[in-house]
C-alpha cells in the first residue's frame, strides 16, 4: 500500500479565514487553503506526496500513521 493512504487528510471550512483549509495531522503542520474545496483537497494530496517523498529521500522514519482510527465517529462522540 502507498504510504500516502496511511494519513488522514482533512479539508474544512474556516469561518475565520473565509476559505477551505486543508491539513494532514500527524504528518505536517500547516497545510493549504483556497476557495474551492476540491482544489484544496487536490493540493493537500500533492503536499502529502511531497512530504512523504522528502522523508524517504532523507532517510527519516515517517511519523505514525493516522488512518484507521475512526476520527469521524470520535468527533461525533459515537
PDB file of N, CA and C in Angstrom:
ATOM      1  N   UNK A   1       0.834  -1.182   0.000  1.00  0.00           N
ATOM      2  CA  UNK A   1       0.000   0.000   0.000  1.00  0.00           C
ATOM      3  C   UNK A   1       0.879   1.245   0.000  1.00  0.00           C
ATOM      4  N   UNK A   2       0.445   2.242  -0.720  1.00  0.00           N
ATOM      5  CA  UNK A   2       1.167   3.507  -0.781  1.00  0.00           C
ATOM      6  C   UNK A   2       1.082   4.206   0.568  1.00  0.00           C
ATOM      7  N   UNK A   3       2.181   4.756   1.028  1.00  0.00           N
ATOM      8  CA  UNK A   3       2.239   5.406   2.341  1.00  0.00           C
ATOM      9  C   UNK A   3       1.240   6.547   2.487  1.00  0.00           C
ATOM     10  N   UNK A   4       0.915   7.231   1.383  1.00  0.00           N
ATOM     11  CA  UNK A   4       0.022   8.389   1.472  1.00  0.00           C
ATOM     12  C   UNK A   4      -1.367   8.018   1.975  1.00  0.00           C
ATOM     13  N   UNK A   5      -1.747   6.761   1.828  1.00  0.00           N
ATOM     14  CA  UNK A   5      -3.063   6.332   2.283  1.00  0.00           C
ATOM     15  C   UNK A   5      -3.104   6.084   3.788  1.00  0.00           C
ATOM     16  N   UNK A   6      -1.974   6.184   4.436  1.00  0.00           N
ATOM     17  CA  UNK A   6      -1.896   5.926   5.880  1.00  0.00           C
ATOM     18  C   UNK A   6      -2.130   7.184   6.721  1.00  0.00           C
ATOM     19  N   UNK A   7      -2.399   8.306   6.055  1.00  0.00           N
ATOM     20  CA  UNK A   7      -2.557   9.570   6.775  1.00  0.00           C
ATOM     21  C   UNK A   7      -3.906  10.218   6.477  1.00  0.00           C
ATOM     22  N   UNK A   8      -4.583  10.646   7.526  1.00  0.00           N
ATOM     23  CA  UNK A   8      -5.873  11.318   7.400  1.00  0.00           C
ATOM     24  C   UNK A   8      -5.652  12.701   6.802  1.00  0.00           C
ATOM     25  N   UNK A   9      -6.471  13.029   5.827  1.00  0.00           N
ATOM     26  CA  UNK A   9      -6.423  14.342   5.193  1.00  0.00           C
ATOM     27  C   UNK A   9      -7.751  15.036   5.468  1.00  0.00           C
ATOM     28  N   UNK A  10      -7.682  16.263   5.962  1.00  0.00           N
ATOM     29  CA  UNK A  10      -8.894  16.989   6.350  1.00  0.00           C
ATOM     30  C   UNK A  10      -8.988  18.287   5.560  1.00  0.00           C
ATOM     31  N   UNK A  11     -10.170  18.522   4.976  1.00  0.00           N
ATOM     32  CA  UNK A  11     -10.474  19.805   4.354  1.00  0.00           C
ATOM     33  C   UNK A  11     -11.730  20.309   5.046  1.00  0.00           C
ATOM     34  N   UNK A  12     -11.630  21.498   5.628  1.00  0.00           N
ATOM     35  CA  UNK A  12     -12.770  22.055   6.354  1.00  0.00           C
ATOM     36  C   UNK A  12     -12.892  23.545   6.069  1.00  0.00           C
ATOM     37  N   UNK A  13     -14.110  24.053   6.241  1.00  0.00           N
ATOM     38  CA  UNK A  13     -14.357  25.471   6.049  1.00  0.00           C
ATOM     39  C   UNK A  13     -13.908  26.218   7.294  1.00  0.00           C
ATOM     40  N   UNK A  14     -13.228  27.327   7.114  1.00  0.00           N
ATOM     41  CA  UNK A  14     -12.798  28.183   8.217  1.00  0.00           C
ATOM     42  C   UNK A  14     -13.580  29.491   8.163  1.00  0.00           C
ATOM     43  N   UNK A  15     -14.444  29.716   9.164  1.00  0.00           N
ATOM     44  CA  UNK A  15     -15.163  30.990   9.232  1.00  0.00           C
ATOM     45  C   UNK A  15     -14.184  32.146   9.414  1.00  0.00           C
ATOM     46  N   UNK A  16     -13.143  31.891  10.200  1.00  0.00           N
ATOM     47  CA  UNK A  16     -12.154  32.934  10.474  1.00  0.00           C
ATOM     48  C   UNK A  16     -11.434  33.377   9.197  1.00  0.00           C
ATOM     49  N   UNK A  17     -11.038  32.405   8.379  1.00  0.00           N
ATOM     50  CA  UNK A  17     -10.288  32.709   7.156  1.00  0.00           C
ATOM     51  C   UNK A  17     -11.180  32.894   5.929  1.00  0.00           C
ATOM     52  N   UNK A  18     -12.437  32.484   6.050  1.00  0.00           N
ATOM     53  CA  UNK A  18     -13.392  32.557   4.938  1.00  0.00           C
ATOM     54  C   UNK A  18     -12.912  31.791   3.715  1.00  0.00           C
ATOM     55  N   UNK A  19     -12.383  30.593   3.972  1.00  0.00           N
ATOM     56  CA  UNK A  19     -11.948  29.717   2.886  1.00  0.00           C
ATOM     57  C   UNK A  19     -11.835  28.296   3.423  1.00  0.00           C
ATOM     58  N   UNK A  20     -11.592  27.356   2.525  1.00  0.00           N
ATOM     59  CA  UNK A  20     -11.358  25.972   2.925  1.00  0.00           C
ATOM     60  C   UNK A  20      -9.893  25.826   3.331  1.00  0.00           C
ATOM     61  N   UNK A  21      -9.660  25.047   4.371  1.00  0.00           N
ATOM     62  CA  UNK A  21      -8.312  24.821   4.872  1.00  0.00           C
ATOM     63  C   UNK A  21      -8.056  23.316   4.870  1.00  0.00           C
ATOM     64  N   UNK A  22      -6.926  22.913   4.296  1.00  0.00           N
ATOM     65  CA  UNK A  22      -6.550  21.507   4.251  1.00  0.00           C
ATOM     66  C   UNK A  22      -5.387  21.233   5.183  1.00  0.00           C
ATOM     67  N   UNK A  23      -5.467  20.103   5.894  1.00  0.00           N
ATOM     68  CA  UNK A  23      -4.383  19.740   6.809  1.00  0.00           C
ATOM     69  C   UNK A  23      -4.228  18.226   6.845  1.00  0.00           C
ATOM     70  N   UNK A  24      -3.088  17.800   7.338  1.00  0.00           N
ATOM     71  CA  UNK A  24      -2.796  16.370   7.474  1.00  0.00           C
ATOM     72  C   UNK A  24      -2.153  16.156   8.846  1.00  0.00           C
ATOM     73  N   UNK A  25      -2.983  16.120   9.901  1.00  0.00           N
ATOM     74  CA  UNK A  25      -2.458  15.988  11.259  1.00  0.00           C
ATOM     75  C   UNK A  25      -1.563  14.756  11.392  1.00  0.00           C
ATOM     76  N   UNK A  26      -0.490  14.947  12.100  1.00  0.00           N
ATOM     77  CA  UNK A  26       0.433  13.840  12.314  1.00  0.00           C
ATOM     78  C   UNK A  26       1.564  13.780  11.315  1.00  0.00           C
ATOM     79  N   UNK A  27       1.335  14.291  10.107  1.00  0.00           N
ATOM     80  CA  UNK A  27       2.388  14.248   9.091  1.00  0.00           C
ATOM     81  C   UNK A  27       3.107  15.585   8.979  1.00  0.00           C
ATOM     82  N   UNK A  28       2.350  16.686   9.030  1.00  0.00           N
ATOM     83  CA  UNK A  28       2.976  18.012   8.990  1.00  0.00           C
ATOM     84  C   UNK A  28       2.034  19.039   9.596  1.00  0.00           C
ATOM     85  N   UNK A  29       2.606  20.162  10.002  1.00  0.00           N
ATOM     86  CA  UNK A  29       1.836  21.294  10.497  1.00  0.00           C
ATOM     87  C   UNK A  29       1.510  22.195   9.320  1.00  0.00           C
ATOM     88  N   UNK A  30       0.468  22.982   9.464  1.00  0.00           N
ATOM     89  CA  UNK A  30       0.085  23.852   8.362  1.00  0.00           C
ATOM     90  C   UNK A  30      -0.673  23.074   7.319  1.00  0.00           C
ATOM     91  N   UNK A  31      -0.621  23.539   6.103  1.00  0.00           N
ATOM     92  CA  UNK A  31      -1.329  22.870   5.034  1.00  0.00           C
ATOM     93  C   UNK A  31      -1.536  23.801   3.867  1.00  0.00           C
ATOM     94  N   UNK A  32      -2.780  23.870   3.410  1.00  0.00           N
ATOM     95  CA  UNK A  32      -3.090  24.717   2.264  1.00  0.00           C
ATOM     96  C   UNK A  32      -4.492  25.289   2.449  1.00  0.00           C
ATOM     97  N   UNK A  33      -4.835  26.244   1.611  1.00  0.00           N
ATOM     98  CA  UNK A  33      -6.156  26.850   1.716  1.00  0.00           C
ATOM     99  C   UNK A  33      -6.586  27.399   0.355  1.00  0.00           C
ATOM    100  N   UNK A  34      -7.895  27.631   0.215  1.00  0.00           N
ATOM    101  CA  UNK A  34      -8.417  28.190  -1.012  1.00  0.00           C
ATOM    102  C   UNK A  34      -9.926  28.218  -0.994  1.00  0.00           C
ATOM    103  N   UNK A  35     -10.516  28.726  -2.064  1.00  0.00           N
ATOM    104  CA  UNK A  35     -11.964  28.879  -2.142  1.00  0.00           C
ATOM    105  C   UNK A  35     -12.690  27.678  -2.730  1.00  0.00           C
ATOM    106  N   UNK A  36     -11.962  26.756  -3.336  1.00  0.00           N
ATOM    107  CA  UNK A  36     -12.569  25.585  -3.960  1.00  0.00           C
ATOM    108  C   UNK A  36     -12.184  24.331  -3.168  1.00  0.00           C
ATOM    109  N   UNK A  37     -13.170  23.682  -2.590  1.00  0.00           N
ATOM    110  CA  UNK A  37     -12.922  22.528  -1.716  1.00  0.00           C
ATOM    111  C   UNK A  37     -12.145  21.413  -2.422  1.00  0.00           C
ATOM    112  N   UNK A  38     -12.537  21.084  -3.635  1.00  0.00           N
ATOM    113  CA  UNK A  38     -11.867  20.009  -4.375  1.00  0.00           C
ATOM    114  C   UNK A  38     -10.428  20.378  -4.719  1.00  0.00           C
ATOM    115  N   UNK A  39     -10.221  21.623  -5.070  1.00  0.00           N
ATOM    116  CA  UNK A  39      -8.868  22.073  -5.399  1.00  0.00           C
ATOM    117  C   UNK A  39      -7.973  22.028  -4.154  1.00  0.00           C
ATOM    118  N   UNK A  40      -8.515  22.416  -3.007  1.00  0.00           N
ATOM    119  CA  UNK A  40      -7.747  22.373  -1.762  1.00  0.00           C
ATOM    120  C   UNK A  40      -7.387  20.926  -1.440  1.00  0.00           C
ATOM    121  N   UNK A  41      -8.336  19.996  -1.630  1.00  0.00           N
ATOM    122  CA  UNK A  41      -8.031  18.590  -1.353  1.00  0.00           C
ATOM    123  C   UNK A  41      -6.954  18.071  -2.299  1.00  0.00           C
ATOM    124  N   UNK A  42      -7.055  18.436  -3.564  1.00  0.00           N
ATOM    125  CA  UNK A  42      -6.053  18.018  -4.539  1.00  0.00           C
ATOM    126  C   UNK A  42      -4.666  18.541  -4.160  1.00  0.00           C
ATOM    127  N   UNK A  43      -4.603  19.812  -3.785  1.00  0.00           N
ATOM    128  CA  UNK A  43      -3.331  20.405  -3.372  1.00  0.00           C
ATOM    129  C   UNK A  43      -2.803  19.737  -2.096  1.00  0.00           C
ATOM    130  N   UNK A  44      -3.714  19.438  -1.176  1.00  0.00           N
ATOM    131  CA  UNK A  44      -3.326  18.758   0.058  1.00  0.00           C
ATOM    132  C   UNK A  44      -2.705  17.392  -0.249  1.00  0.00           C
ATOM    133  N   UNK A  45      -3.304  16.651  -1.162  1.00  0.00           N
ATOM    134  CA  UNK A  45      -2.761  15.340  -1.540  1.00  0.00           C
ATOM    135  C   UNK A  45      -1.365  15.469  -2.140  1.00  0.00           C
ATOM    136  N   UNK A  46      -1.145  16.512  -2.937  1.00  0.00           N
ATOM    137  CA  UNK A  46       0.183  16.749  -3.502  1.00  0.00           C
ATOM    138  C   UNK A  46       1.198  17.053  -2.401  1.00  0.00           C
ATOM    139  N   UNK A  47       0.791  17.855  -1.420  1.00  0.00           N
ATOM    140  CA  UNK A  47       1.689  18.186  -0.311  1.00  0.00           C
ATOM    141  C   UNK A  47       2.031  16.931   0.490  1.00  0.00           C
ATOM    142  N   UNK A  48       1.044  16.066   0.690  1.00  0.00           N
ATOM    143  CA  UNK A  48       1.291  14.806   1.398  1.00  0.00           C
ATOM    144  C   UNK A  48       2.311  13.977   0.625  1.00  0.00           C
ATOM    145  N   UNK A  49       2.122  13.843  -0.684  1.00  0.00           N
ATOM    146  CA  UNK A  49       3.069  13.083  -1.517  1.00  0.00           C
ATOM    147  C   UNK A  49       4.487  13.660  -1.411  1.00  0.00           C
ATOM    148  N   UNK A  50       4.584  14.981  -1.508  1.00  0.00           N
ATOM    149  CA  UNK A  50       5.900  15.637  -1.445  1.00  0.00           C
ATOM    150  C   UNK A  50       6.546  15.464  -0.066  1.00  0.00           C
ATOM    151  N   UNK A  51       5.746  15.543   0.972  1.00  0.00           N
ATOM    152  CA  UNK A  51       6.268  15.386   2.335  1.00  0.00           C
ATOM    153  C   UNK A  51       6.791  13.977   2.561  1.00  0.00           C
ATOM    154  N   UNK A  52       6.031  12.995   2.126  1.00  0.00           N
ATOM    155  CA  UNK A  52       6.465  11.597   2.269  1.00  0.00           C
ATOM    156  C   UNK A  52       7.737  11.352   1.471  1.00  0.00           C
ATOM    157  N   UNK A  53       7.791  11.856   0.245  1.00  0.00           N
ATOM    158  CA  UNK A  53       8.993  11.699  -0.584  1.00  0.00           C
ATOM    159  C   UNK A  53      10.204  12.329   0.103  1.00  0.00           C
ATOM    160  N   UNK A  54      10.009  13.480   0.713  1.00  0.00           N
ATOM    161  CA  UNK A  54      11.100  14.159   1.415  1.00  0.00           C
ATOM    162  C   UNK A  54      11.596  13.336   2.597  1.00  0.00           C
ATOM    163  N   UNK A  55      10.674  12.782   3.369  1.00  0.00           N
ATOM    164  CA  UNK A  55      11.052  11.912   4.496  1.00  0.00           C
ATOM    165  C   UNK A  55      11.881  10.733   3.989  1.00  0.00           C
ATOM    166  N   UNK A  56      11.373  10.061   2.971  1.00  0.00           N
ATOM    167  CA  UNK A  56      12.037   8.857   2.473  1.00  0.00           C
ATOM    168  C   UNK A  56      13.390   9.183   1.840  1.00  0.00           C
ATOM    169  N   UNK A  57      13.464  10.279   1.105  1.00  0.00           N
ATOM    170  CA  UNK A  57      14.711  10.675   0.455  1.00  0.00           C
ATOM    171  C   UNK A  57      15.794  11.002   1.482  1.00  0.00           C
ATOM    172  N   UNK A  58      15.392  11.592   2.595  1.00  0.00           N
ATOM    173  CA  UNK A  58      16.368  11.971   3.619  1.00  0.00           C
ATOM    174  C   UNK A  58      16.675  10.820   4.592  1.00  0.00           C
ATOM    175  N   UNK A  59      15.990   9.695   4.409  1.00  0.00           N
ATOM    176  CA  UNK A  59      16.241   8.534   5.264  1.00  0.00           C
ATOM    177  C   UNK A  59      15.569   8.612   6.627  1.00  0.00           C
ATOM    178  N   UNK A  60      14.673   9.567   6.796  1.00  0.00           N
ATOM    179  CA  UNK A  60      13.961   9.702   8.070  1.00  0.00           C
ATOM    180  C   UNK A  60      12.785   8.735   8.118  1.00  0.00           C
ATOM    181  N   UNK A  61      12.433   8.322   9.333  1.00  0.00           N
ATOM    182  CA  UNK A  61      11.257   7.492   9.522  1.00  0.00           C
ATOM    183  C   UNK A  61      10.009   8.369   9.425  1.00  0.00           C
ATOM    184  N   UNK A  62       8.962   7.821   8.808  1.00  0.00           N
ATOM    185  CA  UNK A  62       7.704   8.544   8.727  1.00  0.00           C
ATOM    186  C   UNK A  62       7.027   8.557  10.098  1.00  0.00           C
ATOM    187  N   UNK A  63       6.274   9.614  10.396  1.00  0.00           N
ATOM    188  CA  UNK A  63       5.512   9.645  11.647  1.00  0.00           C
ATOM    189  C   UNK A  63       4.493   8.500  11.663  1.00  0.00           C
ATOM    190  N   UNK A  64       3.999   8.135  12.824  1.00  0.00           N
ATOM    191  CA  UNK A  64       2.984   7.073  12.892  1.00  0.00           C
ATOM    192  C   UNK A  64       1.770   7.408  12.035  1.00  0.00           C
ATOM    193  N   UNK A  65       1.200   6.400  11.432  1.00  0.00           N
ATOM    194  CA  UNK A  65       0.026   6.566  10.574  1.00  0.00           C
ATOM    195  C   UNK A  65      -1.151   7.094  11.390  1.00  0.00           C
ATOM    196  N   UNK A  66      -2.011   7.866  10.734  1.00  0.00           N
ATOM    197  CA  UNK A  66      -3.204   8.387  11.402  1.00  0.00           C
ATOM    198  C   UNK A  66      -4.492   7.794  10.834  1.00  0.00           C
ATOM    199  N   UNK A  67      -4.411   7.040   9.767  1.00  0.00           N
ATOM    200  CA  UNK A  67      -5.623   6.441   9.199  1.00  0.00           C
ATOM    201  C   UNK A  67      -6.064   5.243  10.035  1.00  0.00           C
ATOM    202  N   UNK A  68      -7.327   4.869   9.864  1.00  0.00           N
ATOM    203  CA  UNK A  68      -7.858   3.696  10.551  1.00  0.00           C
ATOM    204  C   UNK A  68      -8.199   3.924  12.008  1.00  0.00           C
ATOM    205  N   UNK A  69      -8.283   5.157  12.424  1.00  0.00           N
ATOM    206  CA  UNK A  69      -8.568   5.457  13.822  1.00  0.00           C
ATOM    207  C   UNK A  69      -9.998   5.961  14.017  1.00  0.00           C
ATOM    208  N   UNK A  70     -10.798   5.944  12.961  1.00  0.00           N
ATOM    209  CA  UNK A  70     -12.212   6.302  13.003  1.00  0.00           C
ATOM    210  C   UNK A  70     -12.451   7.677  13.621  1.00  0.00           C
ATOM    211  N   UNK A  71     -11.696   8.659  13.154  1.00  0.00           N
ATOM    212  CA  UNK A  71     -11.806  10.019  13.675  1.00  0.00           C
ATOM    213  C   UNK A  71     -13.214  10.601  13.534  1.00  0.00           C
ATOM    214  N   UNK A  72     -13.906  10.277  12.445  1.00  0.00           N
ATOM    215  CA  UNK A  72     -15.232  10.858  12.221  1.00  0.00           C
ATOM    216  C   UNK A  72     -16.183  10.510  13.353  1.00  0.00           C
ATOM    217  N   UNK A  73     -16.238   9.251  13.734  1.00  0.00           N
ATOM    218  CA  UNK A  73     -17.134   8.854  14.824  1.00  0.00           C
ATOM    219  C   UNK A  73     -16.657   9.387  16.167  1.00  0.00           C
ATOM    220  N   UNK A  74     -15.353   9.501  16.352  1.00  0.00           N
ATOM    221  CA  UNK A  74     -14.832  10.058  17.604  1.00  0.00           C
ATOM    222  C   UNK A  74     -15.238  11.509  17.759  1.00  0.00           C
ATOM    223  N   UNK A  75     -15.211  12.256  16.654  1.00  0.00           N
ATOM    224  CA  UNK A  75     -15.597  13.657  16.711  1.00  0.00           C
ATOM    225  C   UNK A  75     -17.091  13.801  17.010  1.00  0.00           C
ATOM    226  N   UNK A  76     -17.880  12.822  16.570  1.00  0.00           N
ATOM    227  CA  UNK A  76     -19.317  12.866  16.807  1.00  0.00           C
ATOM    228  C   UNK A  76     -19.678  12.316  18.183  1.00  0.00           C
ATOM    229  N   UNK A  77     -18.694  11.752  18.862  1.00  0.00           N
ATOM    230  CA  UNK A  77     -18.947  11.180  20.176  1.00  0.00           C
ATOM    231  C   UNK A  77     -19.580   9.810  20.130  1.00  0.00           C
ATOM    232  N   UNK A  78     -19.485   9.161  18.971  1.00  0.00           N
ATOM    233  CA  UNK A  78     -20.096   7.832  18.818  1.00  0.00           C
ATOM    234  C   UNK A  78     -19.218   6.739  19.389  1.00  0.00           C
TER     235      UNK A  78
END
